[in-house]
Protein backbone atom coordinates (compact mmCIF):
# COMPACT_ATOMS: atom_id res chain seq x y z
CA MET A 1 117.60 128.20 100.87
CA THR A 2 118.75 131.56 98.76
CA ASN A 3 118.15 135.13 100.10
CA TYR A 4 116.00 136.87 97.36
CA ALA A 5 115.43 140.42 96.17
CA ILE A 6 112.28 142.38 95.98
CA ASP A 7 111.86 145.67 94.20
CA LYS A 8 109.72 147.07 96.82
CA ASN A 9 112.06 146.95 99.86
CA ILE A 10 109.62 146.33 102.75
CA ARG A 11 112.19 143.70 104.64
CA LEU A 12 114.26 146.18 106.36
CA PRO A 13 111.17 148.46 107.63
CA LEU A 14 109.84 145.25 108.88
CA VAL A 15 112.96 144.22 110.82
CA ILE A 16 113.04 147.82 112.09
CA ALA A 17 109.51 147.84 113.25
CA LEU A 18 109.94 144.48 115.26
CA THR A 19 113.21 145.52 116.80
CA ILE A 20 111.45 148.66 118.02
CA LEU A 21 108.56 146.57 119.11
CA ALA A 22 110.93 144.01 121.01
CA VAL A 23 112.83 146.81 122.76
CA LEU A 24 109.53 148.15 124.38
CA THR A 25 108.71 144.71 125.14
CA ALA A 26 111.95 144.37 126.89
CA THR A 27 111.39 147.66 128.70
CA ALA A 28 108.06 146.89 129.80
CA VAL A 29 109.36 143.38 131.54
CA ARG A 30 112.72 144.63 132.52
CA ASP A 31 111.84 145.14 136.44
CA TYR A 32 110.47 141.55 136.33
CA LEU A 33 113.22 140.20 134.66
CA THR A 34 115.48 142.11 137.17
CA ILE A 35 113.83 140.65 140.27
CA VAL A 36 113.94 136.95 138.68
CA VAL A 37 117.85 137.46 137.66
CA THR A 38 118.33 138.75 141.06
CA MET A 39 116.72 135.65 142.84
CA ILE A 40 118.58 133.46 141.07
CA LEU A 41 121.85 134.90 141.72
CA SER A 42 120.96 135.14 145.42
CA VAL A 43 120.83 131.50 145.36
CA PHE A 44 124.39 131.37 144.68
CA ASN A 45 125.34 134.23 146.86
CA ILE A 46 126.16 136.49 144.06
CA THR A 47 125.80 140.00 144.23
CA ILE A 48 125.91 142.56 141.35
CA ALA A 49 125.97 146.35 141.79
CA PRO A 50 124.48 148.96 140.79
CA PRO A 51 121.45 147.53 140.13
CA GLU A 52 120.75 149.91 137.08
CA PHE A 53 123.75 148.13 135.62
CA VAL A 54 121.93 144.99 135.84
CA ARG A 55 118.78 146.36 134.56
CA THR A 56 120.51 147.65 131.41
CA ILE A 57 122.27 144.39 130.58
CA ILE A 58 119.17 142.57 131.11
CA ASN A 59 117.25 144.96 128.70
CA GLY A 60 119.83 144.69 125.98
CA ILE A 61 120.09 141.04 126.16
CA SER A 62 116.11 140.46 126.35
CA ALA A 63 115.64 143.05 123.40
CA LEU A 64 117.93 140.79 121.30
CA ALA A 65 116.52 137.52 122.26
CA ILE A 66 112.74 139.00 121.87
CA VAL A 67 113.47 140.54 118.08
CA PHE A 68 114.74 137.21 117.08
CA ILE A 69 111.36 135.48 118.33
CA TYR A 70 109.22 138.13 116.92
CA ILE A 71 111.37 137.84 113.43
CA ARG A 72 110.63 134.05 113.43
CA VAL A 73 107.17 134.29 114.63
CA PHE A 74 106.42 136.66 111.76
CA ASN A 75 108.65 134.52 109.18
CA LYS A 76 106.97 131.18 110.09
CA ALA A 77 103.35 132.11 111.47
CA ILE A 78 102.27 135.45 110.71
CA TRP A 79 103.41 135.91 106.95
CA PRO A 80 102.14 132.54 105.51
CA LEU A 81 98.61 133.45 107.02
CA LEU A 82 98.52 137.14 105.55
CA SER A 83 99.81 136.15 102.13
CA HIS A 84 96.71 134.33 101.57
CA PHE A 85 94.76 137.43 101.75
CA THR A 86 97.22 140.04 100.53
CA SER A 87 99.81 140.48 97.89
CA TYR A 88 101.06 143.67 99.22
CA LEU A 89 103.59 141.65 101.27
CA VAL A 90 105.98 139.14 99.27
CA PRO A 91 103.65 136.99 97.43
CA ASN A 92 103.81 133.40 98.42
CA PHE A 93 104.81 130.96 95.98
CA SER A 94 105.35 127.70 98.11
CA GLY A 95 104.13 124.41 96.78
CA ILE A 96 104.63 122.19 94.02
CA TRP A 97 104.00 123.36 90.29
CA HIS A 98 103.61 120.95 87.45
CA GLY A 99 103.42 121.66 83.84
CA TYR A 100 105.27 121.90 80.25
CA ILE A 101 108.01 123.58 78.54
CA THR A 102 105.40 124.02 75.78
CA GLU A 103 108.02 125.05 73.29
CA ARG A 104 111.66 124.53 73.14
CA ARG A 105 114.30 125.39 70.91
CA HIS A 106 118.09 124.63 70.95
CA PHE A 107 121.21 123.91 68.58
CA GLU A 108 122.60 120.45 67.79
CA ARG A 109 125.72 119.70 66.04
CA ASP A 110 124.94 118.02 62.78
CA GLY A 111 126.17 114.45 62.59
CA GLN A 112 127.01 114.36 58.95
CA ASP A 113 129.55 117.31 59.20
CA ASP A 114 132.79 115.86 59.68
CA ARG A 115 134.19 119.08 61.10
CA GLY A 116 131.48 119.46 63.54
CA GLU A 117 131.06 123.09 62.87
CA VAL A 118 127.55 122.90 61.16
CA TYR A 119 124.62 123.28 63.98
CA ARG A 120 120.92 122.71 63.20
CA GLU A 121 117.93 124.15 65.13
CA ARG A 122 115.77 121.43 66.95
CA ILE A 123 112.41 122.15 68.46
CA ASP A 124 110.77 120.10 71.07
CA HIS A 125 106.99 120.76 72.43
CA MET A 126 105.21 119.99 75.59
CA ILE A 127 108.11 118.49 77.91
CA PRO A 128 106.99 117.85 81.27
CA VAL A 129 108.57 119.85 84.03
CA HIS A 130 107.80 120.15 87.72
CA MET A 131 109.13 123.04 90.09
CA THR A 132 109.01 122.80 93.90
CA ILE A 133 109.30 126.01 95.92
CA SER A 134 109.92 126.41 99.51
CA GLN A 135 109.55 129.90 100.87
CA ASP A 136 109.42 132.23 103.82
CA PHE A 137 109.53 136.00 104.15
CA PHE A 138 113.20 136.40 103.69
CA GLN A 139 114.42 133.25 101.76
CA ILE A 140 113.44 131.09 99.03
CA GLY A 141 114.55 127.64 97.72
CA ILE A 142 113.60 126.51 94.16
CA LEU A 143 114.07 123.38 92.54
CA PHE A 144 113.27 123.11 88.49
CA GLN A 145 113.43 119.69 87.28
CA SER A 146 112.39 118.19 83.84
CA GLU A 147 110.75 114.70 84.10
CA THR A 148 112.13 113.37 81.29
CA GLU A 149 115.80 114.10 81.47
CA SER A 150 118.48 112.75 84.08
CA ASP A 151 117.70 114.36 87.67
CA LEU A 152 121.22 115.73 88.35
CA ALA A 153 119.87 118.03 91.37
CA ARG A 154 118.10 114.99 93.39
CA GLY A 155 119.12 115.40 96.87
CA ARG A 156 119.75 118.97 97.00
CA ASP A 157 117.29 121.29 98.65
CA SER A 158 117.35 124.24 95.83
CA ASP A 159 119.25 124.77 92.73
CA CYS A 160 118.53 128.08 92.81
CA THR A 161 121.33 130.64 92.92
CA MET A 162 119.64 134.06 92.63
CA ALA A 163 115.92 134.98 92.75
CA GLU A 164 113.90 138.04 92.62
CA ILE A 165 110.10 138.98 92.98
CA ASP A 166 108.73 141.59 91.15
CA CYS A 167 105.75 143.28 92.48
CA ALA A 168 105.61 146.28 90.29
CA ASP A 169 102.28 145.10 88.72
CA ALA A 170 99.73 143.70 91.27
CA ARG A 171 97.80 141.94 88.80
CA SER A 172 100.84 140.15 87.39
CA VAL A 173 103.61 139.48 89.84
CA LYS A 174 106.65 138.34 88.68
CA LEU A 175 109.16 135.21 89.67
CA ASN A 176 112.45 135.15 88.34
CA HIS A 177 115.31 132.88 89.37
CA THR A 178 118.76 131.54 87.97
CA PHE A 179 119.76 128.05 88.55
CA ARG A 180 122.85 126.23 88.39
CA ARG A 181 123.42 122.50 87.93
CA ALA A 182 126.36 120.01 87.15
CA ASP A 183 125.43 120.04 83.26
CA MET A 184 124.28 123.73 82.95
CA VAL A 185 123.32 126.83 84.25
CA GLY A 186 119.96 128.83 83.22
CA GLU A 187 117.43 131.52 83.87
CA VAL A 188 113.46 131.26 84.27
CA ARG A 189 111.09 134.40 84.07
CA LEU A 190 107.61 133.48 85.35
CA SER A 191 104.48 135.61 85.77
CA LEU A 192 101.99 134.81 88.51
CA GLN A 193 98.34 134.81 87.69
CA ALA A 194 95.98 133.69 90.17
CA SER A 195 92.58 135.93 89.84
CA ASP A 196 90.43 132.94 88.23
CA GLY A 197 90.91 129.14 88.99
CA PRO A 198 94.41 127.65 90.21
CA ALA A 199 97.27 129.87 90.34
CA THR A 200 99.46 129.42 86.99
CA LEU A 201 102.97 130.59 86.27
CA ALA A 202 104.09 130.99 82.71
CA GLY A 203 107.04 132.79 81.13
CA ASN A 204 110.40 132.20 79.47
CA TYR A 205 113.14 129.97 80.02
CA SER A 206 117.08 129.58 78.75
CA SER A 207 119.98 127.76 79.50
CA SER A 208 123.40 127.42 78.76
CA LYS A 209 123.12 124.77 76.18
CA GLN A 210 121.59 127.08 74.11
CA ARG A 211 117.96 126.15 74.84
CA ILE A 212 115.15 128.78 75.07
CA GLY A 213 111.63 128.02 75.63
CA TYR A 214 108.30 128.96 77.20
CA ILE A 215 106.98 127.20 80.28
CA GLU A 216 103.52 126.91 81.61
CA LEU A 217 102.90 125.48 85.40
CA VAL A 218 99.68 125.12 87.42
CA LYS A 219 99.90 124.91 91.09
CA ALA A 220 99.06 121.41 92.70
CA SER A 221 95.81 121.16 94.52
CA ARG A 222 95.61 119.48 97.72
CA GLY A 223 94.38 115.77 97.84
CA ILE A 224 94.99 115.49 93.94
CA VAL A 225 97.96 112.90 92.84
CA TYR A 226 99.64 113.92 89.83
CA TYR A 227 101.58 111.80 88.01
CA CYS A 228 104.06 111.84 84.67
CA ALA A 229 102.78 108.85 82.48
CA GLU A 230 104.15 107.82 79.40
CA VAL A 231 101.90 107.92 76.28
CA LYS A 232 101.82 104.53 74.34
CA ARG A 233 99.66 102.32 72.13
CA ALA A 234 97.35 99.90 73.69
CA PRO A 235 98.99 96.48 74.08
CA ASN A 236 95.88 94.81 72.09
CA PRO A 237 96.36 94.87 68.61
CA SER A 238 92.51 94.41 67.91
CA GLU A 239 91.76 97.82 69.78
CA PRO A 240 94.56 100.12 68.72
CA ALA A 241 93.68 102.69 71.44
CA ILE A 242 96.32 105.48 72.80
CA VAL A 243 96.62 105.04 76.48
CA ALA A 244 98.76 106.12 79.26
CA ALA A 245 99.91 103.49 81.73
CA VAL A 246 99.96 104.18 85.47
CA ASP A 247 102.33 102.73 88.22
CA PRO A 248 100.54 100.69 90.56
CA LYS A 249 102.43 102.28 93.60
CA VAL A 250 100.98 105.63 92.40
CA ILE A 251 97.41 104.91 92.89
CA ARG A 252 97.77 102.48 96.01
CA LYS A 253 95.69 104.84 98.18
CA PHE A 254 92.86 104.69 95.77
CA VAL A 255 93.01 101.16 95.40
CA GLN A 256 92.77 100.70 99.33
CA ARG A 257 89.90 103.16 99.64
CA LEU A 258 87.79 101.11 97.03
CA ARG A 259 88.85 97.86 98.85
CA THR A 260 87.62 99.27 102.11
CA SER A 261 84.31 100.16 100.44
CA LEU A 262 83.40 97.23 98.69
CA GLY A 263 85.12 94.78 101.40
CA LYS A 264 87.94 92.70 100.51
CA ARG A 265 85.95 89.28 98.79
CA ARG A 266 84.02 91.65 96.41
CA PHE A 267 87.12 93.94 95.46
CA ASP A 268 88.87 90.60 94.61
CA ARG A 269 85.76 90.06 92.44
CA VAL A 270 85.81 93.06 90.37
CA ASN A 271 89.23 93.50 90.29
CA ALA A 272 89.35 89.93 88.74
CA ALA A 273 87.16 91.03 86.03
CA ARG A 274 88.96 94.23 85.31
CA ILE A 275 92.07 91.94 84.59
CA ASP A 276 90.12 89.57 82.40
CA ARG A 277 88.50 92.29 80.35
CA MET A 278 91.61 94.71 80.33
CA GLY A 279 94.91 93.05 81.60
CA ASN A 280 96.61 93.64 84.63
CA GLU A 281 98.10 96.94 83.73
CA TYR A 282 96.55 100.11 85.22
CA ARG A 283 95.93 102.44 82.10
CA VAL A 284 93.75 105.55 81.46
CA THR A 285 92.60 105.38 77.67
CA LEU A 286 93.43 108.86 76.23
CA ILE A 287 92.07 108.10 72.52
CA GLY A 288 89.73 105.30 72.03
CA ALA A 289 90.10 102.72 69.07
CA GLU A 290 86.80 104.12 67.31
CA GLU A 291 88.16 107.76 67.74
CA LEU A 292 91.37 106.76 66.24
CA SER A 293 90.23 105.00 63.14
CA ALA A 294 87.90 108.07 62.57
CA LEU A 295 91.09 110.24 62.22
CA SER A 296 92.92 111.18 59.18
CA LEU A 297 96.17 109.92 58.10
CA ALA A 298 97.55 113.23 58.71
CA GLN A 299 96.27 113.07 62.19
CA ARG A 300 97.49 109.91 62.85
CA LYS A 301 100.73 110.73 61.87
CA TRP A 302 100.71 114.06 64.06
CA LEU A 303 99.67 111.95 66.97
CA GLU A 304 102.66 109.45 66.47
CA GLU A 305 104.94 112.46 66.38
CA ASP A 306 103.89 114.76 68.86
CA LEU A 307 102.16 112.39 71.68
CA VAL A 308 102.94 108.78 71.46
CA GLY A 309 106.23 107.90 73.24
CA LYS A 310 106.09 111.19 74.82
CA HIS A 311 105.43 112.02 78.54
CA ILE A 312 102.20 113.85 79.99
CA TRP A 313 101.03 114.81 83.24
CA ILE A 314 97.61 113.30 84.65
CA GLU A 315 95.89 114.42 87.64
CA LEU A 316 94.15 111.51 89.75
CA SER A 317 91.60 112.98 92.12
CA GLN A 318 88.85 110.59 93.45
CA VAL A 319 87.42 106.99 93.34
CA ARG A 320 84.08 106.85 91.48
CA ARG A 321 81.63 104.68 90.27
CA HIS A 322 79.56 104.61 86.54
CA ARG A 323 76.79 102.33 85.72
CA ARG A 324 76.08 101.83 81.95
CA GLY A 325 74.01 99.02 80.66
CA GLU A 326 74.91 96.01 82.77
CA THR A 327 77.98 97.00 83.86
CA ALA A 328 79.42 99.08 86.79
CA THR A 329 82.78 100.34 86.41
CA TYR A 330 84.84 101.54 89.53
CA PHE A 331 87.45 104.03 88.65
CA VAL A 332 89.82 106.84 89.53
CA ALA A 333 88.68 110.05 88.03
CA THR A 334 91.59 111.56 86.05
CA GLU A 335 91.99 114.76 83.92
CA SER A 336 94.93 115.77 81.75
CA THR A 337 95.17 119.25 80.29
CA ARG A 338 97.56 118.09 77.48
CA ILE A 339 95.19 115.69 76.43
CA ASP A 340 92.35 118.06 76.58
CA ARG A 341 94.35 120.44 73.99
CA VAL A 342 95.32 117.27 71.90
CA ARG A 343 91.64 116.26 71.56
CA GLN A 344 90.52 119.98 70.78
CA HIS A 345 93.29 120.04 68.05
CA LEU A 346 91.99 116.74 66.67
CA ALA A 347 88.29 118.02 66.71
CA LEU A 348 87.47 115.21 69.00
CA GLU A 349 84.78 115.70 72.01
CA LEU A 350 86.40 116.35 75.24
CA LYS A 351 85.36 113.88 77.60
CA GLU A 352 86.26 112.70 81.19
CA LEU A 353 89.21 110.48 81.36
CA ASN A 354 89.14 107.65 83.92
CA LEU A 355 91.56 105.03 85.37
CA PRO A 356 89.64 101.64 85.96
CA LEU A 357 90.11 99.63 89.08
CA GLY A 358 87.32 97.07 88.77
CA LEU A 359 84.30 96.08 86.92
CA ALA A 360 80.97 94.26 88.29
CA ASP A 361 78.00 92.76 86.48
CA LEU A 362 74.67 94.47 87.76
CA PRO A 363 71.75 92.31 88.75
CA PRO A 364 68.86 92.03 86.64
CA GLY A 365 66.56 95.14 86.94
CA LYS A 366 69.49 97.39 88.15
CA ALA A 367 70.77 97.94 84.59
CA ALA A 368 70.84 101.88 83.98
CA ILE A 369 72.94 104.74 83.08
CA ASP A 370 73.92 107.44 85.41
CA ALA A 371 76.92 110.04 85.88
CA GLY A 372 80.31 109.17 87.60
CA TYR A 373 79.14 109.22 91.37
CA PRO A 374 81.82 109.47 93.88
CA VAL A 375 82.18 106.47 95.90
CA SER A 376 80.82 106.88 99.50
CA PHE A 377 83.14 104.29 101.48
CA LEU A 378 80.85 103.70 104.37
CA ARG A 379 77.78 103.32 102.48
CA GLU A 380 79.20 101.59 99.25
CA ARG A 381 78.34 98.26 100.31
CA ALA A 382 74.96 99.12 101.85
CA ARG A 383 73.81 100.75 98.43
CA LEU A 384 75.06 97.29 96.43
CA ALA A 385 73.15 95.27 98.91
CA GLY A 386 69.92 97.31 98.36
């Protein structure tokens, strides 16, 4: 953890106030503590005089102990609660933040130059990163990592060497910090926006490897699984869709929920139907085959350069069921802000992404089109039977 600075220095007044409160508390209970200590010493036939000296010593020791108790209680319990209602105190950045370095510029040596003195500018887009922040009222720990580069900071609580929270503008609180790793040092300057929707952090980033960039991060929501997936073409050459593969370990809890809902026997059937039709790999279709074929040559070239082979964040929320025609699909509802931007850039309609977990043929008379209903695990089997 790193001690951090703030332009409104409220920590010292707070410690002074808690110290005064601790002294008052110790004074109020001094007589009771004196009686207790005297009784304990009398058991061992120890007599201390004068009694006023004992009261003074007890008052000082108890005040010192109480002030540490008050500070710890405020730090661990009271401040996290107050930070949800007011930003006048130190804002609470604790949590996991996911997002991208939307653009990064850096310089590399030109391999064609024999002397190695020529550098060329390189621009990278949408590099997935995440930031883990562990914070209390007096200290902060920040771990800033790229998902596509070697993780040289794994196993350390923080790579933050200095941090500052700037509350000068209450509408845009700033979090600035420097970091140091085995291969580089750098600085990150972010502004917090939390008025509408989820909290976001956005700002500039630079490092000693002649890198500068702009970062956009969103705070992770409770209950949602975030996964950094590689974008690739579907393995089926007859349907050249663009998909994102998902590690089965990541969706284990969703698979277990569906198995609990359907029962093992029925789950095995719908899972086998999915494998037969889609293959054994779990994947999210980002751009369908029909959509891809309708794009121009320039648009498809842009996709190959800026999306295929790259990594994106996807958010997995809950198991749902969708009925269309004579087929029912069980899937995990999925979102990706990166794909939403890609589809907007290509003038494609925004649509809900999904990760299929199982397919089932509907009995005659039950064919219908409906929205993606969340699976109610305790009632799903009864609904299917009805």
